[in-house]
Amino acid sequence: MGILRSLLDYTTLNRHLYHFSTDQIRRWQTRAVLGLVSEVRRESPFYQKLYSGFTIDSLDDFSRLPTIDKSVMMANFDQLNTAGLHLADVMDFAVRKELAQDYLGYFQDRYVIGLSSGTSGNKGIYVTPRELTKRLPGVFLARGGVRLSDLPLRILFILRVFSQGFDDINAPGIRLHYRSSMTEPSSIVEICNEMQANILMAPPSFLRQLTPFQNKLNAPIRRIVTYAEVLDPLEKERFAKAFRTEVVEIYQASEGQIASPCRHGSLHVNEDLVYLELLDAKGQPAPNEPGQRCDRMLVTNLVNHVQPLIRYEMNDIVELGEPCPCGSRFRVLGRVIGRNDDVLHLQTRSGGPRPVYPDLVSRWIITTDDRIREFTVEQDGPDHLTVTLDLGELDAEKPENMTHPDAADIRNRLKKRFSHELDNFGIDCQLTMHISPIPLPEGNRKRKRFINSFRPENRA
């Protein structure tokens, strides 16, 4: 029954992706959204109260409903979920699992519990019913960045923490082997060789650590799948060249599987799994045009009715891409740019602050020298940035200073690059640069490369 269910899910999701017309997508989303709203008005006391007085008969009606975010979701967890779950019980289960580093098992034998801190440090609890995670093999084959031609899949999966949901991907023909991103790259190579992995799944930051060891892999990797962090197009090319394989990206969040690669490698919004609203600065729908950058992004998870996340505001910035030659009518995300709180606001010569987006700054850094293994950028004043570079072996030679000639050369070239690029924006910026090892974040915290301890509204 499990194999048949997986094959049906795979077939259905592929039909949606490659054969749904724009009208079919709209009709599917309308039925899913209205059905979800109808259910939560019956089963969720939180949404009953939140939607009181609203008539919702169309997606236009839906677009006028109040939004929620992580803080609202957590503050109203007990009343929001439709399964009668209590935050204290679920949090206790999740924290005990985390402290014991025992990531397998279901809460009440029915739910997979995800504990997320994101980049903010504020815990989030995400509940997925077991009947959904048991269908993950078919979903993974259709939307996980792999192909049927890759079967049997021997996946080395690298992330900060594991969960029962990831383990549920395992099925006949799919074996997923987990290792923490705190594992030394040399050990990852040994594991990869031992299991003859043909699929490598890892965040871009770990791939940077692994790249110097790529020539020690003795089995060909058919595909690399990245997630959890923004994958810069230049780094995508660099990884593909280093590992001599195709590199694709999935856009997965605790709130849902937002976008997946098609057979051409383009990142398509999963229009049948989430309803994604991209808004401009005024809260109006952003034009559905290539190159259009959203100011706000709202996600409605169409498949998880136990913890319904409806018009849930995420802090990510995305940009729409060109139509894909695969023929799918699912929207293409040209770039996942980063988070709103990653945007720098630097003082211009004309007097006002100007936003400088993290994707630009990342590109300046990673294209300066291939030996830049990791970096952080902190804005701590209206016209001041502190940049820390992890140079790998160069750090090991001179961990306390920047006297190594190669390190000094990288520092000087990067300072010139920043000065030139910011000058084009009319910005004179003071730059302090450190060269130092940057450790991986502890526990289940995401790496935060951009730290903005200064905001324009805080200026005297």
Protein backbone atom coordinates (compact mmCIF):
# COMPACT_ATOMS: atom_id res chain seq x y z
CA MET A 1 0.00 0.00 0.00
CA GLY A 2 2.87 2.37 0.82
CA ILE A 3 4.54 1.84 -2.57
CA LEU A 4 1.25 2.32 -4.43
CA ARG A 5 0.55 5.49 -2.45
CA SER A 6 4.01 6.83 -3.27
CA LEU A 7 3.63 6.09 -6.97
CA LEU A 8 0.24 7.81 -7.01
CA ASP A 9 1.63 10.87 -5.23
CA TYR A 10 4.60 11.01 -7.60
CA THR A 11 2.36 10.76 -10.67
CA THR A 12 -0.13 13.33 -9.38
CA LEU A 13 2.50 15.89 -8.39
CA ASN A 14 4.28 15.56 -11.73
CA ARG A 15 1.02 15.98 -13.62
CA HIS A 16 0.30 19.14 -11.66
CA LEU A 17 3.79 20.57 -12.22
CA TYR A 18 4.08 19.92 -15.94
CA HIS A 19 0.50 19.81 -17.20
CA PHE A 20 -1.63 22.19 -15.11
CA SER A 21 -2.72 25.30 -16.98
CA THR A 22 -2.87 28.66 -15.25
CA ASP A 23 -6.66 28.26 -14.92
CA GLN A 24 -6.26 24.78 -13.42
CA ILE A 25 -3.77 26.11 -10.88
CA ARG A 26 -6.20 28.86 -9.90
CA ARG A 27 -9.11 26.44 -9.55
CA TRP A 28 -6.99 24.01 -7.50
CA GLN A 29 -5.84 26.76 -5.16
CA THR A 30 -9.35 28.18 -4.78
CA ARG A 31 -10.76 24.79 -3.75
CA ALA A 32 -7.85 24.11 -1.40
CA VAL A 33 -7.89 27.55 0.24
CA LEU A 34 -11.67 27.73 0.69
CA GLY A 35 -11.76 24.17 2.01
CA LEU A 36 -8.99 24.96 4.49
CA VAL A 37 -10.72 28.13 5.71
CA SER A 38 -14.01 26.29 6.10
CA GLU A 39 -12.33 23.58 8.17
CA VAL A 40 -10.44 25.90 10.49
CA ARG A 41 -13.58 27.92 11.15
CA ARG A 42 -15.07 24.70 12.53
CA GLU A 43 -12.04 23.20 14.25
CA SER A 44 -9.74 26.06 15.34
CA PRO A 45 -10.96 28.47 18.03
CA PHE A 46 -8.20 30.90 17.06
CA TYR A 47 -9.31 31.17 13.42
CA GLN A 48 -12.99 31.18 14.41
CA LYS A 49 -12.37 34.40 16.28
CA LEU A 50 -9.86 35.86 13.81
CA TYR A 51 -12.18 35.40 10.81
CA SER A 52 -15.40 36.42 12.58
CA GLY A 53 -17.41 38.73 10.35
CA PHE A 54 -15.55 37.82 7.13
CA THR A 55 -17.28 36.31 4.10
CA ILE A 56 -14.82 34.19 2.14
CA ASP A 57 -16.07 32.91 -1.20
CA SER A 58 -13.05 33.61 -3.43
CA LEU A 59 -9.31 34.16 -3.41
CA ASP A 60 -10.00 37.91 -3.53
CA ASP A 61 -12.00 37.57 -0.29
CA PHE A 62 -9.18 35.47 1.13
CA SER A 63 -6.63 38.21 0.36
CA ARG A 64 -8.43 40.52 2.80
CA LEU A 65 -8.10 38.18 5.78
CA PRO A 66 -5.74 39.15 8.63
CA THR A 67 -2.18 37.85 8.48
CA ILE A 68 -0.26 36.00 11.19
CA ASP A 69 3.43 35.45 11.89
CA LYS A 70 5.61 33.23 14.05
CA SER A 71 4.99 35.19 17.25
CA VAL A 72 1.20 35.10 16.76
CA MET A 73 1.32 31.40 15.92
CA MET A 74 3.30 30.55 19.05
CA ALA A 75 1.23 32.81 21.34
CA ASN A 76 -1.98 31.10 20.17
CA PHE A 77 -0.68 27.58 19.57
CA ASP A 78 -3.24 25.79 21.75
CA GLN A 79 -6.20 27.53 20.12
CA LEU A 80 -4.76 27.51 16.59
CA ASN A 81 -4.13 23.80 16.06
CA THR A 82 -7.05 21.52 15.22
CA ALA A 83 -5.88 18.46 17.17
CA GLY A 84 -6.27 19.75 20.73
CA LEU A 85 -2.49 19.85 21.28
CA HIS A 86 -0.99 21.92 24.09
CA LEU A 87 2.18 23.92 23.55
CA ALA A 88 3.66 22.98 26.94
CA ASP A 89 3.39 19.24 26.16
CA VAL A 90 4.69 19.54 22.61
CA MET A 91 7.55 21.84 23.62
CA ASP A 92 8.56 19.50 26.43
CA PHE A 93 8.69 16.59 23.96
CA ALA A 94 10.72 18.61 21.44
CA VAL A 95 13.22 19.96 23.97
CA ARG A 96 13.76 16.53 25.55
CA LYS A 97 14.44 15.09 22.10
CA GLU A 98 16.83 17.93 21.32
CA LEU A 99 18.80 17.59 24.56
CA ALA A 100 19.07 13.83 24.11
CA GLN A 101 19.91 14.25 20.40
CA ASP A 102 17.25 11.64 19.79
CA TYR A 103 15.43 12.98 16.76
CA LEU A 104 13.27 9.97 15.89
CA GLY A 105 9.82 9.11 17.14
CA TYR A 106 6.32 10.59 16.97
CA PHE A 107 4.57 12.70 19.56
CA GLN A 108 1.55 10.73 20.81
CA ASP A 109 2.52 8.23 18.08
CA ARG A 110 0.73 10.54 15.59
CA TYR A 111 2.73 13.72 14.97
CA VAL A 112 6.19 14.73 13.81
CA ILE A 113 7.41 17.70 15.86
CA GLY A 114 9.85 20.23 14.47
CA LEU A 115 11.66 22.66 16.73
CA SER A 116 13.00 25.68 14.90
CA SER A 117 14.88 28.73 16.07
CA GLY A 118 15.42 30.15 12.58
CA THR A 119 17.89 33.02 12.68
CA SER A 120 16.04 35.01 15.31
CA GLY A 121 16.64 32.68 18.25
CA ASN A 122 12.90 32.53 19.05
CA LYS A 123 11.71 28.94 19.20
CA GLY A 124 9.01 27.79 16.83
CA ILE A 125 7.08 24.54 17.06
CA TYR A 126 5.81 22.94 13.87
CA VAL A 127 3.52 19.89 13.90
CA THR A 128 3.01 17.56 10.94
CA PRO A 129 0.60 14.62 11.10
CA ARG A 130 2.16 11.20 10.61
CA GLU A 131 -0.12 10.41 7.68
CA LEU A 132 1.50 13.29 5.76
CA THR A 133 5.12 12.38 6.51
CA LYS A 134 4.47 8.76 5.55
CA ARG A 135 3.68 10.07 2.04
CA LEU A 136 7.04 11.82 1.76
CA PRO A 137 8.74 9.21 -0.49
CA GLY A 138 6.43 10.09 -3.41
CA VAL A 139 6.67 13.81 -2.67
CA PHE A 140 10.44 13.58 -2.42
CA LEU A 141 10.74 11.82 -5.78
CA ALA A 142 8.52 14.43 -7.42
CA ARG A 143 9.73 17.58 -5.71
CA GLY A 144 13.00 16.75 -3.93
CA GLY A 145 15.42 17.64 -6.69
CA VAL A 146 16.06 14.01 -7.68
CA ARG A 147 14.96 11.94 -10.69
CA LEU A 148 13.64 8.45 -11.23
CA SER A 149 16.75 7.78 -13.31
CA ASP A 150 18.80 8.25 -10.13
CA LEU A 151 17.16 5.23 -8.48
CA PRO A 152 18.16 3.52 -6.31
CA LEU A 153 18.91 6.61 -4.24
CA ARG A 154 21.74 6.49 -1.71
CA ILE A 155 21.46 9.90 -0.08
CA LEU A 156 23.92 11.49 2.29
CA PHE A 157 21.84 14.14 4.03
CA ILE A 158 23.60 16.88 6.00
CA LEU A 159 21.81 19.36 8.26
CA ARG A 160 22.07 20.81 11.76
CA VAL A 161 19.51 18.37 13.19
CA PHE A 162 17.48 15.41 12.04
CA SER A 163 13.79 14.59 12.53
CA GLN A 164 11.36 11.73 12.12
CA GLY A 165 9.99 13.50 9.05
CA PHE A 166 13.30 13.17 7.22
CA ASP A 167 13.55 9.53 8.25
CA ASP A 168 10.11 8.91 6.76
CA ILE A 169 11.58 9.63 3.31
CA ASN A 170 13.20 6.18 3.47
CA ALA A 171 11.39 3.66 1.26
CA PRO A 172 12.23 0.87 -1.20
CA GLY A 173 14.80 2.37 -3.54
CA ILE A 174 15.43 5.38 -1.27
CA ARG A 175 17.97 5.19 1.56
CA LEU A 176 18.72 8.40 3.39
CA HIS A 177 21.76 8.54 5.68
CA TYR A 178 21.96 11.55 8.03
CA ARG A 179 25.01 13.33 9.38
CA SER A 180 25.14 16.54 11.38
CA SER A 181 26.62 19.62 9.75
CA MET A 182 29.01 19.69 12.72
CA THR A 183 30.73 16.60 11.24
CA GLU A 184 34.24 17.18 9.91
CA PRO A 185 34.32 17.34 6.08
CA SER A 186 37.01 14.62 5.96
CA SER A 187 34.64 12.28 7.83
CA ILE A 188 31.83 13.13 5.43
CA VAL A 189 34.07 12.05 2.54
CA GLU A 190 34.75 8.72 4.26
CA ILE A 191 31.04 8.14 4.88
CA CYS A 192 30.19 9.12 1.32
CA ASN A 193 32.73 6.64 -0.05
CA GLU A 194 31.69 3.87 2.31
CA MET A 195 27.98 4.09 1.41
CA GLN A 196 28.69 4.87 -2.27
CA ALA A 197 26.35 7.86 -2.05
CA ASN A 198 24.98 9.08 -5.37
CA ILE A 199 22.98 12.03 -3.99
CA LEU A 200 24.56 14.63 -1.71
CA MET A 201 22.17 16.94 0.13
CA ALA A 202 23.70 19.79 2.13
CA PRO A 203 23.44 23.52 2.84
CA PRO A 204 25.73 25.72 0.70
CA SER A 205 27.83 26.65 3.74
CA PHE A 206 28.74 23.00 4.29
CA LEU A 207 29.50 22.48 0.61
CA ARG A 208 32.04 25.29 0.89
CA GLN A 209 33.72 23.35 3.70
CA LEU A 210 33.59 20.13 1.68
CA THR A 211 34.85 21.49 -1.66
CA PRO A 212 38.60 21.22 -0.82
CA PHE A 213 38.06 17.47 -0.22
CA GLN A 214 36.07 16.75 -3.40
CA ASN A 215 38.99 14.98 -5.13
CA LYS A 216 38.93 12.33 -2.38
CA LEU A 217 35.42 11.17 -3.33
CA ASN A 218 35.82 7.83 -5.12
CA ALA A 219 32.20 7.41 -6.23
CA PRO A 220 30.48 9.79 -8.67
CA ILE A 221 27.82 12.05 -7.18
CA ARG A 222 24.89 12.22 -9.60
CA ARG A 223 23.28 15.27 -8.08
CA ILE A 224 23.79 17.79 -5.29
CA VAL A 225 20.70 19.24 -3.64
CA THR A 226 21.04 22.36 -1.49
CA TYR A 227 18.59 23.83 1.03
CA ALA A 228 18.32 25.79 4.29
CA GLU A 229 20.35 28.73 2.93
CA VAL A 230 20.44 30.94 -0.13
CA LEU A 231 22.39 29.39 -3.02
CA ASP A 232 24.13 32.10 -5.02
CA PRO A 233 24.17 31.38 -8.79
CA LEU A 234 27.95 31.80 -8.89
CA GLU A 235 28.41 29.32 -6.07
CA LYS A 236 26.06 26.94 -7.85
CA GLU A 237 28.41 27.02 -10.83
CA ARG A 238 31.44 26.62 -8.59
CA PHE A 239 30.01 23.55 -6.82
CA ALA A 240 28.93 22.00 -10.13
CA LYS A 241 32.44 22.39 -11.50
CA ALA A 242 34.18 21.16 -8.34
CA PHE A 243 32.02 18.06 -7.89
CA ARG A 244 31.43 17.55 -11.63
CA THR A 245 27.69 17.14 -11.26
CA GLU A 246 24.38 18.96 -11.44
CA VAL A 247 23.48 21.23 -8.51
CA VAL A 248 19.86 22.09 -7.75
CA GLU A 249 18.15 24.01 -4.95
CA ILE A 250 14.98 23.35 -2.97
CA TYR A 251 13.27 26.06 -0.95
CA GLN A 252 12.06 24.28 2.15
CA ALA A 253 10.99 25.98 5.36
CA SER A 254 9.38 24.83 8.58
CA GLU A 255 6.22 26.44 7.21
CA GLY A 256 6.12 24.24 4.11
CA GLN A 257 7.87 23.09 0.96
CA ILE A 258 7.73 26.39 -0.89
CA ALA A 259 9.61 25.72 -4.14
CA SER A 260 11.31 22.82 -5.90
CA PRO A 261 13.45 22.34 -9.02
CA CYS A 262 11.97 21.02 -12.25
CA ARG A 263 13.78 18.79 -14.75
CA HIS A 264 15.51 21.90 -16.13
CA GLY A 265 16.72 22.91 -12.67
CA SER A 266 14.51 26.03 -12.36
CA LEU A 267 13.06 26.69 -8.92
CA HIS A 268 9.25 26.56 -9.20
CA VAL A 269 6.76 27.56 -6.51
CA ASN A 270 4.89 24.44 -5.37
CA GLU A 271 1.54 25.98 -6.29
CA ASP A 272 -0.36 22.82 -5.29
CA LEU A 273 1.25 22.51 -1.84
CA VAL A 274 1.38 26.15 -0.75
CA TYR A 275 -0.51 29.30 -1.71
CA LEU A 276 2.17 31.97 -1.97
CA GLU A 277 1.23 35.66 -1.97
CA LEU A 278 3.99 38.04 -3.03
CA LEU A 279 3.25 41.62 -2.04
CA ASP A 280 4.78 45.04 -2.68
CA ALA A 281 5.72 47.60 -0.01
CA LYS A 282 2.08 48.78 0.18
CA GLY A 283 0.77 45.28 0.79
CA GLN A 284 -0.69 44.96 -2.72
CA PRO A 285 -0.02 41.93 -4.98
CA ALA A 286 3.34 42.35 -6.69
CA PRO A 287 3.19 42.14 -10.51
CA ASN A 288 3.72 38.60 -11.78
CA GLU A 289 6.67 39.61 -13.95
CA PRO A 290 10.25 38.33 -14.30
CA GLY A 291 12.63 40.32 -12.12
CA GLN A 292 9.85 41.46 -9.80
CA ARG A 293 11.11 41.53 -6.22
CA CYS A 294 8.59 41.19 -3.41
CA ASP A 295 8.66 43.22 -0.21
CA ARG A 296 6.45 40.80 1.74
CA MET A 297 5.71 37.12 1.36
CA LEU A 298 2.67 35.31 2.78
CA VAL A 299 2.49 31.51 2.84
CA THR A 300 -0.59 29.35 3.28
CA ASN A 301 0.20 25.66 3.74
CA LEU A 302 -2.46 23.81 1.73
CA VAL A 303 -1.77 20.29 3.01
CA ASN A 304 -1.21 20.54 6.78
CA HIS A 305 -4.59 21.04 8.46
CA VAL A 306 -3.40 20.05 11.95
CA GLN A 307 -1.35 23.22 12.44
CA PRO A 308 -2.96 25.47 9.84
CA LEU A 309 -0.66 28.30 8.78
CA ILE A 310 -2.83 30.72 6.81
CA ARG A 311 -1.52 33.98 5.36
CA TYR A 312 1.58 33.41 7.47
CA GLU A 313 4.12 36.18 6.96
CA MET A 314 7.66 35.05 6.32
CA ASN A 315 10.66 37.33 6.45
CA ASP A 316 12.13 36.21 3.13
CA ILE A 317 12.73 38.24 -0.01
CA VAL A 318 12.34 36.50 -3.36
CA GLU A 319 12.44 37.58 -6.98
CA LEU A 320 10.39 36.08 -9.79
CA GLY A 321 12.22 34.51 -12.72
CA GLU A 322 11.68 33.98 -16.42
CA PRO A 323 9.20 31.32 -17.68
CA CYS A 324 10.91 27.93 -17.73
CA PRO A 325 11.49 25.86 -20.90
CA CYS A 326 10.09 22.84 -19.04
CA GLY A 327 6.64 24.29 -19.84
CA SER A 328 5.34 24.36 -16.26
CA ARG A 329 2.92 27.16 -15.38
CA PHE A 330 4.07 27.09 -11.77
CA ARG A 331 5.78 30.40 -11.05
CA VAL A 332 9.57 30.46 -11.20
CA LEU A 333 11.63 32.00 -8.43
CA GLY A 334 14.61 33.57 -10.13
CA ARG A 335 16.33 34.18 -6.82
CA VAL A 336 15.81 33.65 -3.13
CA ILE A 337 17.54 36.81 -1.99
CA GLY A 338 17.52 36.49 1.79
CA ARG A 339 15.64 37.82 4.76
CA ASN A 340 14.28 41.29 5.29
CA ASP A 341 16.39 41.70 8.41
CA ASP A 342 19.52 40.86 6.36
CA VAL A 343 19.13 44.05 4.32
CA LEU A 344 21.75 46.69 5.12
CA HIS A 345 20.67 50.35 5.32
CA LEU A 346 23.70 52.52 4.60
CA GLN A 347 23.91 56.30 4.64
CA THR A 348 24.26 57.92 1.22
CA ARG A 349 26.15 61.10 0.42
CA SER A 350 22.81 62.79 -0.21
CA GLY A 351 21.81 62.18 3.39
CA GLY A 352 19.24 59.37 3.42
CA PRO A 353 19.68 55.64 4.06
CA ARG A 354 19.72 53.27 1.10
CA PRO A 355 18.92 49.56 1.24
CA VAL A 356 21.73 47.27 0.09
CA TYR A 357 20.48 43.72 -0.43
CA PRO A 358 22.36 40.70 0.96
CA ASP A 359 22.58 38.90 -2.39
CA LEU A 360 24.71 41.74 -3.77
CA VAL A 361 27.04 41.82 -0.79
CA SER A 362 27.41 38.02 -0.82
CA ARG A 363 28.39 38.15 -4.47
CA TRP A 364 31.06 40.81 -3.85
CA ILE A 365 32.61 38.60 -1.21
CA ILE A 366 32.49 35.15 -2.79
CA THR A 367 33.76 36.38 -6.18
CA THR A 368 36.81 38.08 -4.66
CA ASP A 369 38.64 34.84 -3.87
CA ASP A 370 37.77 31.13 -3.85
CA ARG A 371 39.57 30.72 -0.52
CA ILE A 372 36.88 32.69 1.31
CA ARG A 373 35.21 29.75 2.98
CA GLU A 374 32.69 31.65 5.12
CA PHE A 375 31.87 35.22 6.09
CA THR A 376 29.75 37.47 8.29
CA VAL A 377 28.77 41.09 7.71
CA GLU A 378 27.60 43.33 10.55
CA GLN A 379 26.24 46.84 10.18
CA ASP A 380 26.95 48.61 13.45
CA GLY A 381 26.55 52.22 12.34
CA PRO A 382 24.97 54.32 9.59
CA ASP A 383 28.14 54.15 7.49
CA HIS A 384 30.15 51.33 9.02
CA LEU A 385 30.39 47.59 8.31
CA THR A 386 32.44 44.91 10.05
CA VAL A 387 33.28 41.97 7.79
CA THR A 388 34.75 38.73 9.13
CA LEU A 389 36.29 36.25 6.69
CA ASP A 390 37.04 32.59 7.31
CA LEU A 391 39.96 31.69 5.02
CA GLY A 392 40.34 28.07 6.01
CA GLU A 393 44.00 27.05 5.91
CA LEU A 394 45.19 30.65 5.94
CA ASP A 395 43.42 31.12 9.28
CA ALA A 396 45.18 28.07 10.68
CA GLU A 397 48.58 29.52 9.85
CA LYS A 398 47.97 32.90 11.49
CA PRO A 399 44.84 32.64 13.65
CA GLU A 400 45.46 35.83 15.63
CA ASN A 401 46.30 38.34 12.89
CA MET A 402 46.24 39.11 9.20
CA THR A 403 49.98 39.16 8.49
CA HIS A 404 49.97 36.27 6.02
CA PRO A 405 50.61 37.83 2.58
CA ASP A 406 47.75 35.98 0.89
CA ALA A 407 45.32 36.95 3.64
CA ALA A 408 46.39 40.58 3.40
CA ASP A 409 45.95 40.47 -0.37
CA ILE A 410 42.39 39.09 -0.06
CA ARG A 411 41.55 41.72 2.54
CA ASN A 412 42.85 44.57 0.36
CA ARG A 413 41.10 43.37 -2.79
CA LEU A 414 37.81 42.97 -0.95
CA LYS A 415 38.07 46.45 0.57
CA LYS A 416 38.57 47.88 -2.92
CA ARG A 417 35.60 45.90 -4.20
CA PHE A 418 33.32 47.19 -1.45
CA SER A 419 34.49 50.76 -1.97
CA HIS A 420 33.89 50.57 -5.73
CA GLU A 421 30.47 48.91 -5.52
CA LEU A 422 29.15 51.16 -2.74
CA ASP A 423 30.44 54.26 -4.51
CA ASN A 424 28.13 53.34 -7.40
CA PHE A 425 25.24 53.70 -4.93
CA GLY A 426 26.50 57.05 -3.65
CA ILE A 427 27.64 55.48 -0.37
CA ASP A 428 30.88 56.22 1.49
CA CYS A 429 31.24 53.34 3.95
CA GLN A 430 33.91 52.63 6.55
CA LEU A 431 34.94 48.99 6.52
CA THR A 432 36.56 47.02 9.33
CA MET A 433 37.75 43.57 8.33
CA HIS A 434 38.77 40.59 10.45
CA ILE A 435 40.17 37.27 9.32
CA SER A 436 39.22 34.54 11.73
CA PRO A 437 37.69 31.05 11.80
CA ILE A 438 33.89 31.19 11.90
CA PRO A 439 32.51 28.19 13.78
CA LEU A 440 29.33 26.44 12.75
CA PRO A 441 26.30 27.49 14.82
CA GLU A 442 25.45 25.29 17.75
CA GLY A 443 22.32 23.22 18.16
CA ASN A 444 19.53 23.80 15.66
CA ARG A 445 20.27 27.46 15.01
CA LYS A 446 20.71 28.59 11.42
CA ARG A 447 23.83 30.39 10.36
CA LYS A 448 23.30 34.15 10.24
CA ARG A 449 25.73 35.86 7.88
CA PHE A 450 24.19 39.33 8.07
CA ILE A 451 23.79 41.02 11.44
CA ASN A 452 22.15 44.42 11.50
CA SER A 453 22.64 45.96 14.92
CA PHE A 454 21.89 49.40 13.48
CA ARG A 455 18.60 50.52 11.98
CA PRO A 456 17.86 53.84 10.25
CA GLU A 457 15.05 54.52 12.71
CA ASN A 458 17.57 54.31 15.55
CA ARG A 459 19.65 57.19 14.23
CA ALA A 460 19.90 60.28 16.44
